[in-house]
Amino acid sequence: MSVLDVLHSGELYLPLDPAIAEEQSKCMELLYEYNATRPSEMEKRMALLRQMLAEVGEESYIEPPMHANWGGAHLHLGRNIWANFNLTLVDDTHIYIGDYTMIGPNVTIATAGHPVLPELRQEGYQFNQPVFIGNNCWLGAGVIVLPGVTVGDNTVIGAGSVVTKDIPSGVVAVGTPCRVLRPVDDRDRLFYYRDKRIPSELLNKED
């Protein structure tokens, strides 16, 4: 197993290995360039995203500034994804985000962990576990997703939640730690916010 392969193995490793640091530095240079772009430089931003990230689907976009350990090199974006300001990725291994998912401001998605045992932590050991976010999800402002978590399709994670365990498809989940509050149900087909009804022409469009 190569030094870089160990990042994706789930095994303990030392992240300050010179070979790792060299590759990581290259990624961070691209991220710096991305965050330094002007709002009018959309073509440059999209070209940089395609260079920086592992995958970028059509019509997907991340609003700068973005923060990432590996500059997004292990981030896989599906189609039609929007991520708002200050997306923070501890992307030491792979993060997969499905089509049409929305990410609010100040969201953190972390793949890296450290041993609880103090002696190993003192040595700087780390391990990584991938994160999977499904299709058509919404992660509200300030959500934190921890290593190894899977969020199912069509699920909403409420603002400020800390997602420590897998969340199933088709639910609204909130809290610290994040728990399922309720399913996405028939009322959600009638009301978009409290007593605010979805316009009938939009409902007919879905049909």
C-alpha atoms as a PDB file:
ATOM      1  CA  MET A   1       0.000   0.000   0.000  1.00  0.00           C
ATOM      2  CA  SER A   2       1.405   3.398  -0.995  1.00  0.00           C
ATOM      3  CA  VAL A   3       1.589   6.341   1.362  1.00  0.00           C
ATOM      4  CA  LEU A   4      -1.320   8.026  -0.430  1.00  0.00           C
ATOM      5  CA  ASP A   5      -3.434   4.851  -0.613  1.00  0.00           C
ATOM      6  CA  VAL A   6      -3.494   4.670   3.171  1.00  0.00           C
ATOM      7  CA  LEU A   7      -5.668   7.800   3.263  1.00  0.00           C
ATOM      8  CA  HIS A   8      -8.545   5.757   1.858  1.00  0.00           C
ATOM      9  CA  SER A   9      -7.913   2.498   3.739  1.00  0.00           C
ATOM     10  CA  GLY A  10      -9.506   3.351   7.087  1.00  0.00           C
ATOM     11  CA  GLU A  11      -6.224   2.422   8.770  1.00  0.00           C
ATOM     12  CA  LEU A  12      -4.216   4.585  11.170  1.00  0.00           C
ATOM     13  CA  TYR A  13      -1.489   6.690   9.562  1.00  0.00           C
ATOM     14  CA  LEU A  14       0.663   9.760  10.171  1.00  0.00           C
ATOM     15  CA  PRO A  15      -0.640  12.680   8.062  1.00  0.00           C
ATOM     16  CA  LEU A  16       2.623  14.643   8.259  1.00  0.00           C
ATOM     17  CA  ASP A  17       4.433  12.138   6.041  1.00  0.00           C
ATOM     18  CA  PRO A  18       6.436  14.244   3.518  1.00  0.00           C
ATOM     19  CA  ALA A  19       4.872  12.517   0.497  1.00  0.00           C
ATOM     20  CA  ILE A  20       1.385  13.315   1.794  1.00  0.00           C
ATOM     21  CA  ALA A  21       2.301  16.899   2.638  1.00  0.00           C
ATOM     22  CA  GLU A  22       3.719  17.463  -0.860  1.00  0.00           C
ATOM     23  CA  GLU A  23       0.523  16.351  -2.613  1.00  0.00           C
ATOM     24  CA  GLN A  24      -1.678  18.196  -0.151  1.00  0.00           C
ATOM     25  CA  SER A  25       0.222  21.415  -0.743  1.00  0.00           C
ATOM     26  CA  LYS A  26      -0.479  21.250  -4.500  1.00  0.00           C
ATOM     27  CA  CYS A  27      -4.194  20.927  -3.786  1.00  0.00           C
ATOM     28  CA  MET A  28      -4.176  23.837  -1.374  1.00  0.00           C
ATOM     29  CA  GLU A  29      -2.559  26.095  -3.982  1.00  0.00           C
ATOM     30  CA  LEU A  30      -5.509  25.503  -6.320  1.00  0.00           C
ATOM     31  CA  LEU A  31      -7.967  26.161  -3.512  1.00  0.00           C
ATOM     32  CA  TYR A  32      -6.230  29.438  -2.723  1.00  0.00           C
ATOM     33  CA  GLU A  33      -6.565  30.451  -6.361  1.00  0.00           C
ATOM     34  CA  TYR A  34     -10.266  29.525  -6.378  1.00  0.00           C
ATOM     35  CA  ASN A  35     -11.026  31.568  -3.268  1.00  0.00           C
ATOM     36  CA  ALA A  36      -9.181  34.552  -4.753  1.00  0.00           C
ATOM     37  CA  THR A  37     -11.415  34.726  -7.852  1.00  0.00           C
ATOM     38  CA  ARG A  38     -13.704  37.689  -8.423  1.00  0.00           C
ATOM     39  CA  PRO A  39     -17.507  37.242  -8.603  1.00  0.00           C
ATOM     40  CA  SER A  40     -17.348  38.116 -12.306  1.00  0.00           C
ATOM     41  CA  GLU A  41     -14.906  35.263 -13.033  1.00  0.00           C
ATOM     42  CA  MET A  42     -17.437  32.437 -13.211  1.00  0.00           C
ATOM     43  CA  GLU A  43     -15.742  30.681 -16.106  1.00  0.00           C
ATOM     44  CA  LYS A  44     -12.461  30.646 -14.204  1.00  0.00           C
ATOM     45  CA  ARG A  45     -14.214  29.333 -11.097  1.00  0.00           C
ATOM     46  CA  MET A  46     -15.797  26.472 -13.011  1.00  0.00           C
ATOM     47  CA  ALA A  47     -12.518  25.579 -14.691  1.00  0.00           C
ATOM     48  CA  LEU A  48     -10.781  25.506 -11.311  1.00  0.00           C
ATOM     49  CA  LEU A  49     -13.518  23.364  -9.758  1.00  0.00           C
ATOM     50  CA  ARG A  50     -13.086  20.810 -12.542  1.00  0.00           C
ATOM     51  CA  GLN A  51      -9.353  20.806 -11.863  1.00  0.00           C
ATOM     52  CA  MET A  52      -9.638  20.712  -8.065  1.00  0.00           C
ATOM     53  CA  LEU A  53     -12.395  18.191  -7.391  1.00  0.00           C
ATOM     54  CA  ALA A  54     -12.528  14.448  -7.970  1.00  0.00           C
ATOM     55  CA  GLU A  55     -15.810  14.836  -9.901  1.00  0.00           C
ATOM     56  CA  VAL A  56     -18.062  17.760 -10.820  1.00  0.00           C
ATOM     57  CA  GLY A  57     -21.462  17.119 -12.377  1.00  0.00           C
ATOM     58  CA  GLU A  58     -23.224  19.537 -14.721  1.00  0.00           C
ATOM     59  CA  GLU A  59     -24.600  22.740 -13.174  1.00  0.00           C
ATOM     60  CA  SER A  60     -22.883  22.140  -9.826  1.00  0.00           C
ATOM     61  CA  TYR A  61     -21.237  25.013  -7.996  1.00  0.00           C
ATOM     62  CA  ILE A  62     -19.558  25.924  -4.688  1.00  0.00           C
ATOM     63  CA  GLU A  63     -19.698  29.543  -3.560  1.00  0.00           C
ATOM     64  CA  PRO A  64     -16.304  30.814  -2.364  1.00  0.00           C
ATOM     65  CA  PRO A  65     -14.827  30.847   0.134  1.00  0.00           C
ATOM     66  CA  MET A  66     -14.473  27.103   0.419  1.00  0.00           C
ATOM     67  CA  HIS A  67     -12.160  25.452   2.946  1.00  0.00           C
ATOM     68  CA  ALA A  68     -10.759  21.952   2.516  1.00  0.00           C
ATOM     69  CA  ASN A  69      -7.811  19.919   3.795  1.00  0.00           C
ATOM     70  CA  TRP A  70      -7.168  18.582   0.306  1.00  0.00           C
ATOM     71  CA  GLY A  71      -8.677  21.440  -1.680  1.00  0.00           C
ATOM     72  CA  GLY A  72     -11.639  19.244  -2.620  1.00  0.00           C
ATOM     73  CA  ALA A  73      -9.463  16.612  -4.305  1.00  0.00           C
ATOM     74  CA  HIS A  74     -11.566  13.821  -2.774  1.00  0.00           C
ATOM     75  CA  LEU A  75     -14.958  15.500  -3.288  1.00  0.00           C
ATOM     76  CA  HIS A  76     -17.382  13.902  -5.753  1.00  0.00           C
ATOM     77  CA  LEU A  77     -20.264  16.175  -6.794  1.00  0.00           C
ATOM     78  CA  GLY A  78     -23.265  14.962  -8.731  1.00  0.00           C
ATOM     79  CA  ARG A  79     -25.391  17.199 -10.972  1.00  0.00           C
ATOM     80  CA  ASN A  80     -27.166  20.436 -10.016  1.00  0.00           C
ATOM     81  CA  ILE A  81     -25.576  20.831  -6.598  1.00  0.00           C
ATOM     82  CA  TRP A  82     -25.392  24.222  -4.901  1.00  0.00           C
ATOM     83  CA  ALA A  83     -23.130  24.788  -1.890  1.00  0.00           C
ATOM     84  CA  ASN A  84     -23.282  28.147  -0.153  1.00  0.00           C
ATOM     85  CA  PHE A  85     -20.513  30.208   1.499  1.00  0.00           C
ATOM     86  CA  ASN A  86     -17.937  28.647   3.839  1.00  0.00           C
ATOM     87  CA  LEU A  87     -18.339  24.986   2.955  1.00  0.00           C
ATOM     88  CA  THR A  88     -15.664  23.270   5.055  1.00  0.00           C
ATOM     89  CA  LEU A  89     -14.410  19.836   4.011  1.00  0.00           C
ATOM     90  CA  VAL A  90     -12.090  17.659   6.021  1.00  0.00           C
ATOM     91  CA  ASP A  91     -11.653  15.738   2.798  1.00  0.00           C
ATOM     92  CA  ASP A  92      -8.780  13.411   3.684  1.00  0.00           C
ATOM     93  CA  THR A  93     -10.783  10.643   2.034  1.00  0.00           C
ATOM     94  CA  HIS A  94     -13.781  10.583  -0.288  1.00  0.00           C
ATOM     95  CA  ILE A  95     -16.979  12.610   0.105  1.00  0.00           C
ATOM     96  CA  TYR A  96     -19.848  11.785  -2.264  1.00  0.00           C
ATOM     97  CA  ILE A  97     -22.753  14.215  -2.738  1.00  0.00           C
ATOM     98  CA  GLY A  98     -25.698  13.200  -4.911  1.00  0.00           C
ATOM     99  CA  ASP A  99     -27.612  15.070  -7.604  1.00  0.00           C
ATOM    100  CA  TYR A 100     -29.762  18.131  -6.739  1.00  0.00           C
ATOM    101  CA  THR A 101     -28.503  18.376  -3.171  1.00  0.00           C
ATOM    102  CA  MET A 102     -28.455  21.817  -1.525  1.00  0.00           C
ATOM    103  CA  ILE A 103     -25.864  22.792   1.094  1.00  0.00           C
ATOM    104  CA  GLY A 104     -26.414  25.832   3.303  1.00  0.00           C
ATOM    105  CA  PRO A 105     -23.750  28.254   4.542  1.00  0.00           C
ATOM    106  CA  ASN A 106     -21.142  27.186   7.088  1.00  0.00           C
ATOM    107  CA  VAL A 107     -21.659  23.427   6.601  1.00  0.00           C
ATOM    108  CA  THR A 108     -18.819  21.112   7.666  1.00  0.00           C
ATOM    109  CA  ILE A 109     -18.340  17.597   6.257  1.00  0.00           C
ATOM    110  CA  ALA A 110     -15.514  15.703   7.953  1.00  0.00           C
ATOM    111  CA  THR A 111     -13.932  12.365   7.015  1.00  0.00           C
ATOM    112  CA  ALA A 112     -10.953  12.404   9.396  1.00  0.00           C
ATOM    113  CA  GLY A 113     -10.813  11.114  12.950  1.00  0.00           C
ATOM    114  CA  HIS A 114      -8.226  10.546  15.646  1.00  0.00           C
ATOM    115  CA  PRO A 115      -7.902   7.748  18.211  1.00  0.00           C
ATOM    116  CA  VAL A 116      -9.432   8.313  21.643  1.00  0.00           C
ATOM    117  CA  LEU A 117      -6.309   6.761  23.189  1.00  0.00           C
ATOM    118  CA  PRO A 118      -4.186   9.781  24.261  1.00  0.00           C
ATOM    119  CA  GLU A 119      -0.841   8.135  23.500  1.00  0.00           C
ATOM    120  CA  LEU A 120      -1.763   7.593  19.835  1.00  0.00           C
ATOM    121  CA  ARG A 121      -3.221  11.059  19.506  1.00  0.00           C
ATOM    122  CA  GLN A 122      -0.041  12.538  20.928  1.00  0.00           C
ATOM    123  CA  GLU A 123       1.892  10.840  18.112  1.00  0.00           C
ATOM    124  CA  GLY A 124      -0.465  12.477  15.581  1.00  0.00           C
ATOM    125  CA  TYR A 125      -2.192   9.350  14.254  1.00  0.00           C
ATOM    126  CA  GLN A 126      -5.285   9.770  12.088  1.00  0.00           C
ATOM    127  CA  PHE A 127      -7.797   7.598  10.241  1.00  0.00           C
ATOM    128  CA  ASN A 128     -10.391   8.472   7.599  1.00  0.00           C
ATOM    129  CA  GLN A 129     -13.888   7.228   6.779  1.00  0.00           C
ATOM    130  CA  PRO A 130     -15.874   8.290   3.690  1.00  0.00           C
ATOM    131  CA  VAL A 131     -19.125  10.277   3.805  1.00  0.00           C
ATOM    132  CA  PHE A 132     -22.109   9.725   1.502  1.00  0.00           C
ATOM    133  CA  ILE A 133     -24.839  12.350   1.026  1.00  0.00           C
ATOM    134  CA  GLY A 134     -27.730  11.181  -1.146  1.00  0.00           C
ATOM    135  CA  ASN A 135     -29.660  12.720  -4.022  1.00  0.00           C
ATOM    136  CA  ASN A 136     -31.964  15.710  -3.522  1.00  0.00           C
ATOM    137  CA  CYS A 137     -30.970  16.377   0.081  1.00  0.00           C
ATOM    138  CA  TRP A 138     -30.881  19.704   1.907  1.00  0.00           C
ATOM    139  CA  LEU A 139     -28.256  20.344   4.571  1.00  0.00           C
ATOM    140  CA  GLY A 140     -29.267  23.482   6.457  1.00  0.00           C
ATOM    141  CA  ALA A 141     -26.955  26.223   7.660  1.00  0.00           C
ATOM    142  CA  GLY A 142     -24.249  25.147  10.079  1.00  0.00           C
ATOM    143  CA  VAL A 143     -24.788  21.380   9.747  1.00  0.00           C
ATOM    144  CA  ILE A 144     -21.834  19.192  10.746  1.00  0.00           C
ATOM    145  CA  VAL A 145     -21.511  15.703   9.237  1.00  0.00           C
ATOM    146  CA  LEU A 146     -19.012  13.386  10.930  1.00  0.00           C
ATOM    147  CA  PRO A 147     -16.795  10.642   9.417  1.00  0.00           C
ATOM    148  CA  GLY A 148     -18.406   7.493   8.077  1.00  0.00           C
ATOM    149  CA  VAL A 149     -21.951   8.897   7.904  1.00  0.00           C
ATOM    150  CA  THR A 150     -24.467   8.195   5.137  1.00  0.00           C
ATOM    151  CA  VAL A 151     -27.484  10.457   4.568  1.00  0.00           C
ATOM    152  CA  GLY A 152     -30.219   8.913   2.417  1.00  0.00           C
ATOM    153  CA  ASP A 153     -31.952  10.426  -0.615  1.00  0.00           C
ATOM    154  CA  ASN A 154     -34.575  13.197  -0.275  1.00  0.00           C
ATOM    155  CA  THR A 155     -33.674  13.953   3.336  1.00  0.00           C
ATOM    156  CA  VAL A 156     -33.527  17.342   5.061  1.00  0.00           C
ATOM    157  CA  ILE A 157     -31.000  17.938   7.843  1.00  0.00           C
ATOM    158  CA  GLY A 158     -32.066  20.892  10.001  1.00  0.00           C
ATOM    159  CA  ALA A 159     -29.806  23.876  10.582  1.00  0.00           C
ATOM    160  CA  GLY A 160     -27.144  23.434  13.244  1.00  0.00           C
ATOM    161  CA  SER A 161     -27.503  19.651  13.464  1.00  0.00           C
ATOM    162  CA  VAL A 162     -24.532  17.394  14.203  1.00  0.00           C
ATOM    163  CA  VAL A 163     -24.900  14.175  12.202  1.00  0.00           C
ATOM    164  CA  THR A 164     -23.061  11.418  14.059  1.00  0.00           C
ATOM    165  CA  LYS A 165     -24.862   8.377  12.590  1.00  0.00           C
ATOM    166  CA  ASP A 166     -26.552   7.327   9.350  1.00  0.00           C
ATOM    167  CA  ILE A 167     -29.845   9.062   8.513  1.00  0.00           C
ATOM    168  CA  PRO A 168     -32.381   7.234   6.290  1.00  0.00           C
ATOM    169  CA  SER A 169     -34.005   8.472   3.094  1.00  0.00           C
ATOM    170  CA  GLY A 170     -37.106  10.636   2.965  1.00  0.00           C
ATOM    171  CA  VAL A 171     -37.038  12.195   6.437  1.00  0.00           C
ATOM    172  CA  VAL A 172     -36.543  15.476   8.250  1.00  0.00           C
ATOM    173  CA  ALA A 173     -33.800  15.055  10.869  1.00  0.00           C
ATOM    174  CA  VAL A 174     -32.588  17.630  13.402  1.00  0.00           C
ATOM    175  CA  GLY A 175     -30.596  18.089  16.579  1.00  0.00           C
ATOM    176  CA  THR A 176     -27.331  17.327  18.325  1.00  0.00           C
ATOM    177  CA  PRO A 177     -26.895  14.466  17.866  1.00  0.00           C
ATOM    178  CA  CYS A 178     -29.090  14.494  14.758  1.00  0.00           C
ATOM    179  CA  ARG A 179     -32.224  12.320  15.008  1.00  0.00           C
ATOM    180  CA  VAL A 180     -35.174  11.683  12.706  1.00  0.00           C
ATOM    181  CA  LEU A 181     -37.984  14.117  13.517  1.00  0.00           C
ATOM    182  CA  ARG A 182     -40.556  12.915  10.997  1.00  0.00           C
ATOM    183  CA  PRO A 183     -40.945  11.532   7.489  1.00  0.00           C
ATOM    184  CA  VAL A 184     -41.388  13.729   4.448  1.00  0.00           C
ATOM    185  CA  ASP A 185     -45.181  13.303   4.124  1.00  0.00           C
ATOM    186  CA  ASP A 186     -48.337  14.399   2.316  1.00  0.00           C
ATOM    187  CA  ARG A 187     -48.441  17.739   4.139  1.00  0.00           C
ATOM    188  CA  ASP A 188     -45.116  18.616   2.518  1.00  0.00           C
ATOM    189  CA  ARG A 189     -46.852  18.265  -0.844  1.00  0.00           C
ATOM    190  CA  LEU A 190     -49.284  21.043   0.165  1.00  0.00           C
ATOM    191  CA  PHE A 191     -47.268  23.445   2.341  1.00  0.00           C
ATOM    192  CA  TYR A 192     -43.716  24.727   1.805  1.00  0.00           C
ATOM    193  CA  TYR A 193     -43.438  26.653   5.110  1.00  0.00           C
ATOM    194  CA  ARG A 194     -45.846  26.457   8.052  1.00  0.00           C
ATOM    195  CA  ASP A 195     -49.242  27.502   6.612  1.00  0.00           C
ATOM    196  CA  LYS A 196     -47.815  28.753   3.298  1.00  0.00           C
ATOM    197  CA  ARG A 197     -49.376  26.710   0.516  1.00  0.00           C
ATOM    198  CA  ILE A 198     -47.437  25.558  -2.521  1.00  0.00           C
ATOM    199  CA  PRO A 199     -48.934  27.305  -5.580  1.00  0.00           C
ATOM    200  CA  SER A 200     -51.157  24.944  -7.523  1.00  0.00           C
ATOM    201  CA  GLU A 201     -49.248  25.526 -10.766  1.00  0.00           C
ATOM    202  CA  LEU A 202     -46.111  24.163  -9.091  1.00  0.00           C
ATOM    203  CA  LEU A 203     -47.958  21.091  -7.881  1.00  0.00           C
ATOM    204  CA  ASN A 204     -49.359  20.502 -11.364  1.00  0.00           C
ATOM    205  CA  LYS A 205     -45.845  20.867 -12.738  1.00  0.00           C
ATOM    206  CA  GLU A 206     -44.691  18.006 -10.487  1.00  0.00           C
ATOM    207  CA  ASP A 207     -47.511  15.808 -11.777  1.00  0.00           C
END
